[in-house]
Protein backbone atom coordinates (compact mmCIF):
# COMPACT_ATOMS: atom_id res chain seq x y z
CA MET A 1 293.34 14.22 -32.05
CA THR A 2 293.34 13.11 -28.39
CA GLU A 3 290.14 12.42 -26.80
CA LYS A 4 288.73 13.77 -23.45
CA VAL A 5 289.93 11.88 -20.36
CA ALA A 6 287.59 12.06 -17.44
CA ILE A 7 288.69 12.61 -14.34
CA ARG A 8 286.76 9.86 -11.84
CA GLN A 9 286.21 11.23 -8.19
CA LEU A 10 286.38 9.58 -5.35
CA PRO A 11 284.50 10.19 -2.36
CA THR A 12 287.23 10.96 0.90
CA GLY A 13 284.20 9.92 3.52
CA VAL A 14 285.33 12.90 5.07
CA PRO A 15 281.72 15.16 6.07
CA GLY A 16 281.79 18.26 3.95
CA LEU A 17 285.62 17.47 2.29
CA ASP A 18 284.14 16.44 -1.29
CA LYS A 19 282.01 19.69 -1.12
CA ILE A 20 285.04 22.22 -0.39
CA LEU A 21 286.92 19.76 -3.30
CA GLY A 22 284.45 19.78 -6.12
CA GLY A 23 282.80 16.22 -5.85
CA GLY A 24 285.79 14.68 -4.06
CA VAL A 25 289.90 13.56 -5.04
CA PRO A 26 290.65 12.84 -8.00
CA GLU A 27 291.78 9.64 -8.98
CA PHE A 28 295.78 9.12 -9.46
CA SER A 29 296.56 12.17 -8.12
CA PHE A 30 298.94 13.50 -5.82
CA ASN A 31 298.24 15.75 -3.24
CA LEU A 32 300.01 17.14 0.03
CA ILE A 33 298.49 17.62 3.22
CA VAL A 34 300.04 20.57 5.39
CA GLY A 35 300.20 21.85 8.48
CA ALA A 36 301.40 23.47 11.93
CA PRO A 37 301.70 20.21 14.25
CA GLY A 38 298.26 19.41 15.99
CA SER A 39 296.16 21.13 13.15
CA GLY A 40 294.75 17.47 12.11
CA LYS A 41 297.01 16.70 9.26
CA THR A 42 297.42 12.47 9.78
CA THR A 43 293.60 12.11 11.38
CA LEU A 44 292.55 13.72 8.01
CA ALA A 45 294.96 11.66 5.98
CA GLN A 46 293.92 8.47 8.39
CA GLN A 47 290.34 9.10 7.87
CA ILE A 48 290.78 9.43 3.94
CA MET A 49 292.61 6.44 3.17
CA PHE A 50 289.97 4.86 5.43
CA GLY A 51 287.28 6.29 2.77
CA LEU A 52 288.32 5.01 0.10
CA CYS A 53 289.93 1.87 0.47
CA GLY A 54 288.31 -1.35 0.36
CA PRO A 55 287.96 -4.91 0.30
CA ASP A 56 289.44 -4.86 -3.22
CA ARG A 57 291.05 -1.54 -2.96
CA HIS A 58 293.81 -1.63 -0.61
CA ALA A 59 296.35 0.63 0.61
CA ILE A 60 299.73 1.55 2.53
CA TYR A 61 300.57 3.77 5.04
CA PHE A 62 304.61 5.26 5.38
CA THR A 63 305.56 6.93 8.23
CA VAL A 64 308.65 8.26 8.34
CA VAL A 65 310.29 9.44 11.43
CA GLY A 66 307.51 11.28 13.26
CA GLU A 67 305.38 8.95 14.91
CA PRO A 68 306.19 4.91 15.35
CA PRO A 69 303.09 3.22 13.35
CA LEU A 70 301.88 1.38 16.86
CA LYS A 71 301.80 4.61 18.83
CA MET A 72 299.92 6.75 16.17
CA LEU A 73 297.50 3.25 16.05
CA ARG A 74 296.71 3.67 19.55
CA TYR A 75 295.36 7.49 18.98
CA GLN A 76 293.93 6.77 15.56
CA GLN A 77 291.95 3.67 16.65
CA GLN A 78 289.74 6.23 18.69
CA PHE A 79 288.06 7.46 15.89
CA THR A 80 284.86 6.03 14.60
CA PHE A 81 286.25 5.76 11.21
CA PHE A 82 289.38 3.50 12.39
CA ASP A 83 288.07 -0.43 11.48
CA PHE A 84 290.94 -2.38 13.29
CA GLU A 85 289.55 -5.37 11.05
CA ARG A 86 291.32 -4.15 8.16
CA VAL A 87 294.78 -3.53 9.39
CA ASP A 88 296.81 -5.72 7.98
CA LYS A 89 294.47 -6.72 5.45
CA SER A 90 293.48 -4.08 3.13
CA ILE A 91 295.50 -1.44 4.71
CA ARG A 92 299.42 -2.09 5.51
CA TYR A 93 301.52 0.39 8.29
CA VAL A 94 304.81 0.17 7.07
CA ASN A 95 307.82 1.95 8.91
CA LEU A 96 310.28 3.89 7.03
CA SER A 97 311.96 5.86 9.71
CA PRO A 98 315.58 3.05 9.02
CA ASP A 99 315.94 3.37 5.77
CA LEU A 100 315.14 7.69 5.88
CA VAL A 101 318.33 7.15 8.85
CA GLU A 102 320.59 4.39 7.91
CA GLY A 103 320.24 5.59 4.13
CA THR A 104 319.95 7.95 0.66
CA LEU A 105 316.77 8.98 -0.89
CA ASP A 106 317.71 6.28 -3.50
CA LYS A 107 317.46 4.07 -1.48
CA LEU A 108 314.28 5.29 0.41
CA MET A 109 313.15 5.75 -3.09
CA ALA A 110 313.61 1.84 -3.46
CA ARG A 111 312.14 0.85 -0.87
CA ILE A 112 309.31 2.50 -1.64
CA VAL A 113 309.31 1.08 -4.85
CA GLN A 114 309.90 -2.67 -3.26
CA GLU A 115 306.33 -2.09 -1.00
CA VAL A 116 304.56 -0.52 -3.73
CA GLU A 117 305.28 -2.88 -5.97
CA ALA A 118 304.29 -6.56 -3.78
CA THR A 119 300.31 -4.92 -2.73
CA SER A 120 299.28 -2.26 -5.91
CA PRO A 121 297.78 -1.22 -3.67
CA ALA A 122 295.19 1.70 -4.86
CA VAL A 123 295.93 4.36 -1.66
CA VAL A 124 299.09 6.02 -0.90
CA VAL A 125 299.78 7.87 2.44
CA VAL A 126 303.57 8.57 3.22
CA ASP A 127 303.52 10.57 7.00
CA SER A 128 305.86 12.67 7.29
CA PHE A 129 306.84 13.60 4.11
CA ARG A 130 308.61 17.16 5.95
CA THR A 131 311.35 14.42 7.36
CA VAL A 132 312.58 13.92 4.41
CA ALA A 133 312.58 17.24 3.00
CA ARG A 134 315.30 18.02 6.07
CA VAL A 135 317.32 14.52 5.27
CA SER A 136 317.80 15.70 1.45
CA GLY A 137 319.60 18.88 3.20
CA ARG A 138 322.91 16.51 3.97
CA ALA A 139 323.86 16.75 0.34
CA GLY A 140 325.43 19.54 -0.67
CA ASP A 141 322.45 20.75 -3.78
CA GLY A 142 319.39 19.21 -1.19
CA ASP A 143 317.29 21.01 -3.20
CA LEU A 144 317.69 20.10 -6.45
CA GLU A 145 318.03 16.29 -4.88
CA LEU A 146 314.31 16.87 -3.36
CA GLN A 147 312.91 18.15 -6.38
CA HIS A 148 314.08 14.88 -8.06
CA PHE A 149 313.11 12.54 -5.80
CA VAL A 150 309.29 14.39 -5.61
CA HIS A 151 309.21 14.10 -9.23
CA GLN A 152 309.67 10.96 -9.65
CA LEU A 153 307.84 9.31 -6.79
CA ALA A 154 304.70 11.44 -8.20
CA ILE A 155 305.22 9.63 -12.09
CA ARG A 156 305.74 6.34 -10.29
CA LEU A 157 302.72 6.34 -7.76
CA THR A 158 300.54 7.68 -10.63
CA ALA A 159 301.73 5.13 -13.07
CA TRP A 160 300.79 2.58 -10.65
CA GLN A 161 297.76 4.05 -10.76
CA ALA A 162 297.98 5.29 -6.87
CA THR A 163 296.10 8.14 -5.13
CA THR A 164 298.24 9.28 -3.16
CA PHE A 165 298.72 12.07 -0.23
CA LEU A 166 302.11 12.80 1.27
CA VAL A 167 301.59 14.94 4.95
CA GLY A 168 304.26 17.45 6.34
CA GLU A 169 304.45 20.72 8.41
CA TYR A 170 305.03 23.76 6.85
CA GLN A 171 304.30 26.84 6.89
CA PRO A 172 303.11 29.45 4.54
CA SER A 173 305.97 31.52 3.72
CA GLU A 174 307.27 28.19 2.03
CA VAL A 175 304.41 27.53 -0.55
CA GLU A 176 306.72 29.27 -2.85
CA ARG A 177 310.15 28.02 -3.16
CA ASP A 178 309.69 24.29 -1.41
CA PRO A 179 309.53 21.82 -4.62
CA VAL A 180 307.27 19.81 -3.68
CA PHE A 181 304.37 22.18 -3.69
CA THR A 182 305.12 22.55 -7.55
CA VAL A 183 304.57 18.50 -8.17
CA ALA A 184 301.04 18.17 -6.40
CA ASP A 185 298.07 17.80 -7.95
CA GLY A 186 295.58 19.04 -4.64
CA LEU A 187 296.95 20.97 -1.72
CA LEU A 188 295.15 21.23 1.03
CA TRP A 189 296.12 23.50 4.43
CA LEU A 190 295.18 23.15 7.94
CA TYR A 191 295.25 26.29 10.39
CA GLN A 192 294.86 26.30 14.12
CA SER A 193 294.58 28.93 16.26
CA ILE A 194 292.70 30.05 19.59
CA ASP A 195 291.26 32.39 20.62
CA ARG A 196 290.59 32.91 24.50
CA ASN A 197 289.67 29.58 25.54
CA SER A 198 288.62 28.44 22.36
CA MET A 199 290.01 26.47 19.89
CA VAL A 200 289.69 27.10 15.81
CA ARG A 201 290.09 25.02 13.08
CA LYS A 202 290.17 25.65 9.47
CA ILE A 203 290.51 23.83 5.92
CA GLN A 204 291.94 25.44 2.73
CA VAL A 205 292.09 24.15 -0.24
CA MET A 206 294.72 25.86 -2.06
CA LYS A 207 294.87 24.27 -5.33
CA MET A 208 293.21 21.00 -6.72
CA ARG A 209 294.25 20.38 -10.56
CA GLY A 210 290.97 19.98 -13.32
CA GLN A 211 288.82 20.52 -10.24
CA ALA A 212 286.98 23.78 -9.48
CA PRO A 213 286.99 24.03 -5.32
CA ILE A 214 284.99 26.40 -2.77
CA PRO A 215 287.43 28.96 -2.11
CA GLY A 216 288.24 30.55 1.20
CA LEU A 217 288.88 28.84 4.20
CA HIS A 218 285.97 26.54 5.98
CA THR A 219 286.13 25.13 9.62
CA PHE A 220 285.95 22.02 10.70
CA ARG A 221 286.19 20.02 14.13
CA ILE A 222 287.68 16.92 15.44
CA THR A 223 285.09 14.90 17.18
CA GLU A 224 285.22 11.23 17.84
CA ARG A 225 284.35 10.79 13.98
CA GLY A 226 287.35 12.13 13.00
CA ILE A 227 286.76 15.48 10.97
CA ASP A 228 283.65 17.35 10.19
CA VAL A 229 284.66 20.30 7.72
CA PHE A 230 281.49 22.64 7.42
CA PRO A 231 281.96 24.37 4.06
CA ARG A 232 280.69 27.49 3.46
CA VAL A 233 277.56 27.17 1.48
CA ILE A 234 277.42 30.15 -1.32
CA VAL A 235 274.03 30.49 -3.32
CA ASP A 236 273.98 30.78 -6.83
CA PRO A 237 271.39 33.98 -7.55
CA GLU A 238 270.33 31.96 -10.44
CA LYS A 239 268.85 28.89 -9.02
CA LYS A 240 267.14 30.78 -5.83
CA LYS A 241 263.71 29.05 -5.14
CA GLY A 242 261.64 31.54 -4.31
CA ALA A 243 257.84 30.50 -3.75
CA SER A 244 256.70 32.90 -5.69
CA GLY A 245 258.09 31.98 -8.69
CA LYS A 246 258.75 34.76 -11.03
CA LYS A 247 260.15 38.20 -10.40
CA GLY A 248 256.75 40.34 -9.15
CA ALA A 249 254.22 37.46 -8.60
CA THR A 250 252.22 37.84 -5.01
CA ARG A 251 254.14 35.82 -2.39
CA GLU A 252 252.28 32.89 -0.75
CA ARG A 253 252.01 33.98 2.90
CA LEU A 254 252.34 32.05 5.67
CA SER A 255 250.32 31.94 9.15
CA THR A 256 252.18 32.78 12.58
CA GLY A 257 249.33 30.26 14.40
CA ILE A 258 248.05 34.06 15.44
CA LYS A 259 245.48 35.79 14.39
CA GLY A 260 245.51 38.52 15.62
CA LEU A 261 249.26 39.05 14.42
CA ASP A 262 249.02 37.38 10.76
CA GLU A 263 246.23 40.59 10.74
CA MET A 264 248.79 42.99 11.83
CA LEU A 265 251.43 41.55 8.89
CA GLY A 266 249.06 42.02 6.12
CA GLY A 267 248.27 38.10 5.96
CA GLY A 268 251.02 36.42 7.34
CA ILE A 269 254.93 36.32 6.58
CA PRO A 270 255.16 36.05 2.99
CA THR A 271 257.07 32.81 1.83
CA GLY A 272 261.13 33.22 1.68
CA TYR A 273 261.11 35.86 4.03
CA SER A 274 263.49 36.43 7.34
CA VAL A 275 261.47 37.90 10.28
CA LEU A 276 262.65 39.49 13.32
CA VAL A 277 261.35 39.14 17.03
CA ALA A 278 262.78 41.80 19.41
CA GLY A 279 261.46 42.55 22.56
CA PRO A 280 262.64 42.23 26.14
CA SER A 281 263.34 39.36 28.09
CA GLY A 282 259.65 37.40 28.65
CA SER A 283 257.84 39.34 26.76
CA GLY A 284 256.71 36.58 24.15
CA LYS A 285 259.06 35.84 21.37
CA SER A 286 259.54 32.20 21.86
CA VAL A 287 256.36 32.01 21.91
CA VAL A 288 255.84 33.90 18.20
CA ALA A 289 258.28 31.33 17.52
CA THR A 290 256.87 28.04 18.53
CA GLN A 291 253.77 28.58 17.45
CA PHE A 292 255.01 29.72 14.04
CA ILE A 293 256.62 26.60 13.75
CA MET A 294 253.12 24.53 15.35
CA ALA A 295 250.94 26.45 12.58
CA GLY A 296 253.36 24.96 10.14
CA VAL A 297 253.00 21.61 10.74
CA ARG A 298 249.55 22.02 11.00
CA ASN A 299 249.55 23.01 7.88
CA ASP A 300 251.77 20.12 6.43
CA GLU A 301 254.88 21.97 6.49
CA PRO A 302 257.52 21.01 9.10
CA GLY A 303 259.34 23.02 10.52
CA VAL A 304 262.86 23.48 12.10
CA ILE A 305 264.16 24.85 15.71
CA ALA A 306 267.29 25.93 16.70
CA VAL A 307 268.12 26.42 20.06
CA PHE A 308 270.50 28.58 21.82
CA GLU A 309 269.22 29.57 25.50
CA LYS A 310 266.24 27.09 26.20
CA ARG A 311 266.52 23.42 26.84
CA PRO A 312 264.43 21.85 24.27
CA SER A 313 262.69 20.19 27.18
CA LYS A 314 261.52 23.80 27.82
CA TYR A 315 259.20 24.40 24.98
CA SER A 316 257.18 21.46 25.96
CA GLU A 317 256.53 22.54 29.94
CA THR A 318 255.50 26.37 29.17
CA PRO A 319 252.41 27.89 26.76
CA PRO A 320 251.56 27.77 24.05
CA GLY A 321 253.73 24.21 23.37
CA GLY A 322 252.75 21.87 26.03
CA PRO A 323 252.11 18.04 24.93
CA ALA A 324 251.31 18.80 21.61
CA PHE A 325 254.74 20.19 20.68
CA GLU A 326 256.07 17.81 22.21
CA LYS A 327 254.67 14.91 20.35
CA MET A 328 256.07 16.78 16.37
CA ILE A 329 259.19 16.26 17.83
CA ARG A 330 258.59 12.51 18.63
CA LEU A 331 256.88 12.45 15.41
CA GLY A 332 259.59 13.93 13.04
CA GLN A 333 257.54 17.12 12.47
CA VAL A 334 259.69 19.15 13.98
CA GLY A 335 263.70 18.93 13.84
CA VAL A 336 265.50 20.33 17.40
CA ILE A 337 269.17 22.24 16.89
CA HIS A 338 270.65 22.16 20.56
CA THR A 339 273.97 22.88 20.91
CA ARG A 340 275.74 25.26 23.57
CA PRO A 341 279.55 24.94 22.68
CA LEU A 342 281.68 28.72 22.89
CA ASP A 343 283.66 27.74 20.11
CA LEU A 344 280.88 27.58 17.25
CA SER A 345 281.09 28.86 13.43
CA ILE A 346 278.71 30.53 11.41
CA ASP A 347 279.14 27.59 8.54
CA GLU A 348 279.03 24.79 11.21
CA MET A 349 275.67 26.24 12.34
CA LEU A 350 274.40 26.60 9.05
CA TYR A 351 275.67 23.30 7.70
CA GLU A 352 273.94 21.65 10.56
CA MET A 353 270.82 23.94 10.06
CA ILE A 354 270.74 22.86 6.18
CA GLU A 355 271.19 19.30 7.22
CA GLU A 356 268.48 19.51 9.44
CA ILE A 357 266.22 21.33 6.79
CA GLU A 358 266.54 18.42 4.33
CA ARG A 359 266.45 15.63 6.71
CA TYR A 360 262.12 17.31 7.78
CA LYS A 361 261.54 18.40 4.36
CA ALA A 362 261.31 21.90 6.37
CA ARG A 363 259.79 24.66 4.92
CA ARG A 364 259.95 26.85 8.11
CA LEU A 365 263.28 27.36 10.89
CA VAL A 366 263.49 28.95 13.90
CA ILE A 367 266.41 30.77 15.61
CA ASP A 368 265.92 31.17 18.87
CA SER A 369 267.81 33.52 19.94
CA LEU A 370 270.09 35.56 18.50
CA SER A 371 271.44 36.70 21.27
CA GLY A 372 272.46 33.06 22.29
CA PHE A 373 273.89 31.88 19.17
CA GLU A 374 276.76 35.17 19.03
CA LEU A 375 277.75 33.62 22.75
CA ALA A 376 278.02 30.17 21.59
CA LEU A 377 280.19 31.27 18.34
CA ALA A 378 284.03 31.48 19.19
CA PRO A 379 285.48 34.58 19.84
CA THR A 380 286.92 35.03 16.45
CA PHE A 381 283.62 35.00 14.52
CA ARG A 382 281.57 37.30 16.94
CA GLU A 383 283.63 40.34 15.44
CA ASP A 384 282.34 39.70 11.90
CA PHE A 385 278.76 38.34 13.83
CA ARG A 386 277.11 41.12 11.60
CA GLU A 387 278.44 39.72 8.15
CA SER A 388 278.35 36.02 9.26
CA LEU A 389 274.01 36.78 9.95
CA TYR A 390 273.31 38.68 6.25
CA ARG A 391 275.52 35.74 4.51
CA MET A 392 273.55 33.21 6.54
CA VAL A 393 270.58 34.58 6.36
CA SER A 394 270.75 35.20 2.81
CA VAL A 395 271.56 31.14 2.17
CA LEU A 396 268.65 30.15 4.55
CA THR A 397 266.38 32.21 2.04
CA GLY A 398 267.86 31.90 -1.20
CA ILE A 399 266.94 27.84 -0.63
CA GLY A 400 262.77 28.83 -0.16
CA ILE A 401 263.09 28.83 3.96
CA THR A 402 260.72 31.44 6.13
CA MET A 403 263.00 32.23 8.91
CA VAL A 404 261.58 33.16 12.48
CA MET A 405 264.54 34.89 14.57
CA THR A 406 263.58 36.59 17.91
CA ALA A 407 266.63 38.82 19.49
CA GLU A 408 266.09 40.19 23.35
CA LEU A 409 266.36 44.45 23.52
CA GLU A 410 266.39 45.80 26.89
CA ASP A 411 263.42 48.41 27.16
CA THR A 412 265.47 51.65 27.72
CA TYR A 413 262.66 53.65 26.89
CA THR A 414 264.87 56.17 26.37
CA ASP A 415 266.15 54.81 22.30
CA LEU A 416 263.77 53.05 19.84
CA ARG A 417 265.99 49.90 18.93
CA PHE A 418 264.43 47.25 17.07
CA SER A 419 267.90 45.16 17.26
CA PRO A 420 271.23 44.07 18.42
CA HIS A 421 273.84 45.18 16.56
CA GLY A 422 272.35 47.12 13.69
CA THR A 423 271.00 44.05 11.81
CA ALA A 424 267.43 44.89 11.81
CA PHE A 425 268.79 45.83 8.01
CA LEU A 426 269.40 42.16 7.32
CA THR A 427 265.39 40.62 7.83
CA ASP A 428 262.65 41.29 5.61
CA ALA A 429 260.03 42.09 8.36
CA ILE A 430 260.26 42.55 12.06
CA ILE A 431 257.55 42.42 14.74
CA MET A 432 258.41 44.40 18.14
CA GLN A 433 257.45 43.95 22.00
CA ARG A 434 257.34 46.49 24.30
CA TYR A 435 256.60 46.85 27.82
CA ILE A 436 254.31 49.44 29.19
CA GLU A 437 253.08 50.87 32.48
CA LEU A 438 249.43 50.49 32.56
CA LYS A 439 247.17 51.37 35.72
CA GLY A 440 249.67 49.55 37.58
CA GLN A 441 250.40 46.86 36.25
CA LEU A 442 253.31 45.96 33.55
CA ARG A 443 251.62 45.31 30.07
CA ARG A 444 252.85 43.80 26.78
CA VAL A 445 252.74 45.56 23.69
CA MET A 446 253.56 44.65 20.23
CA ALA A 447 253.87 46.33 16.72
CA VAL A 448 255.22 45.54 13.06
CA ILE A 449 257.58 47.70 12.29
CA LYS A 450 257.93 46.24 8.57
CA VAL A 451 257.14 43.56 5.90
CA ARG A 452 259.13 44.55 2.79
CA GLY A 453 257.59 45.25 -0.28
CA SER A 454 254.60 44.63 1.05
CA ALA A 455 251.43 46.67 3.50
CA HIS A 456 251.02 46.04 7.58
CA SER A 457 249.36 47.67 9.82
CA LYS A 458 250.98 50.59 11.77
CA ASP A 459 249.14 49.39 15.24
CA LEU A 460 250.42 49.32 18.22
CA ARG A 461 248.26 46.05 20.08
CA SER A 462 247.93 44.74 23.20
CA PHE A 463 248.58 41.08 23.67
CA GLU A 464 248.40 38.23 26.32
CA ILE A 465 249.87 34.97 26.86
CA THR A 466 247.78 32.30 27.59
CA GLU A 467 247.07 28.72 27.90
CA ASP A 468 246.20 28.87 24.25
CA GLY A 469 249.25 30.90 22.94
CA MET A 470 249.22 34.45 22.30
CA VAL A 471 246.33 36.16 21.85
CA VAL A 472 246.45 39.61 20.04
CA GLY A 473 244.20 42.41 21.16
CA GLU A 474 243.12 45.87 20.22
CA ALA A 475 244.90 48.71 18.62
CA MET A 476 245.42 51.70 21.77
CA GLY A 477 244.90 53.98 19.46
CA HIS A 478 243.49 56.06 22.29
CA TYR A 479 246.40 56.12 24.22
CA GLU A 480 249.56 58.32 23.96
CA GLY A 481 253.33 57.97 24.89
CA LEU A 482 252.90 53.63 24.85
CA LEU A 483 256.78 54.16 23.36
CA THR A 484 257.89 56.02 26.85
CA GLY A 485 256.79 53.35 28.64
CA ARG A 486 253.65 55.39 30.78
CA PRO A 487 251.39 56.19 28.16
CA TYR A 488 248.08 58.87 28.94
CA LEU A 489 244.93 58.94 27.57
CA ILE A 490 244.17 61.58 24.82
CA ALA A 491 241.99 63.74 25.78
CA GLY A 492 238.16 63.26 24.20
CA SER A 493 238.86 60.03 23.15
CA GLU A 494 235.72 57.51 23.86
CA THR A 495 238.10 55.53 26.39
CA ALA A 496 239.10 59.13 28.56
CA LYS A 497 235.17 59.83 28.35
CA LYS A 498 234.09 56.86 30.16
CA ALA A 499 237.26 56.99 32.20
CA SER A 500 235.64 61.07 32.95
CA ARG A 501 232.04 59.59 33.70
CA LYS A 502 233.46 56.94 36.11
CA LYS A 503 235.13 59.53 38.12
CA ARG A 504 231.87 61.20 38.32
């Protein structure tokens, strides 16, 4: 009986790529990296090669007609993963253009064999393999010749115990008819598209033999570090870390840092809940968010705040932040994510949030605000913002995070809305803030609209923002018409009687 052979997975060195591959690239595998021109194929191949090779693991990078090696090196050395000291030591670049232009596929194979046998590399890259396919078309039975060449190349390189990557420009329609896709063990497809002024890049693992890659399209970004992949995060319902443990058990409550608001919520926010704080500009949404994070630090519960509107410095300039909040950041008790590009993806932000949560061992998260978050996304991701937000909230609460999100609403006083884009159903609790006109002044009021599975106050209560933070006042039960913006005293109430006596 044949024994089971364990397949070793090699870390690629590309952030996020190993996760979507199912653990890494299989050793001795024969892989394709394909996509349209400019999609990042060469950069990805170079980054993987530098990640896989080392003093005891050499690599050969074959260039075929496409870019001359010197030109390619000039651009690739701009990335931080590129180590010039390793060129011609553990990494060799070989130009196959003369062999391909002047010869046949047999001569090309002989040259590759010669170079590989002389070096015994652990990693082999052929870029661009599509040129080889074009050369095979010179023969009368080009497809058959190419299929034989690819088959022999795969057998030889695998026998030499090399992990191989062929790089080429292909269209999705060619998958079924091109023989190279049949022979390959792994297939990475890179896509890019321009939506208005935003560049969106995605990668898909179309196959990886012997492994279970994460399905679907994953966004990636090309930066000075090279390629960063942002895997689609999927939560296993069986592994959710409900803070209360058993189903039906009473959840622990987290203080918002605002005494009156905790009372209105029925004792604080249940752990693992998502909370939406909605209201017009200047109503105090960020104050609630800041006090929530600061209360966590005081209870040894580090937090992370993702800022899309204010700059982080603004939180230390306005109450209730100030020097105390700035000190929490400086001491590493609060993590701050501040990014304002216009081409983000939900997966990119979710990936960064989870990294910061793990780094700080955070239990609390603030997103301030959803309106700014949406504007920071590439237009293509704004179209399905509600669906993506639902997945993001599920992932974060699924790992036990208690999160507060702010959303700006206009005070129209004609319709009662609790969130933009109909996202209220995504959250477990909603805190509404409004302005009202009272005695010739604008006053702030708040109410708890819902706390899923829990009793809560139904009062509309006034509140003030002071140097010490938010102070929640009494219930305004002696007024009616509060949500119209122009309340009036209820006849017969104690407040109305006092007002009447004063007039006399």
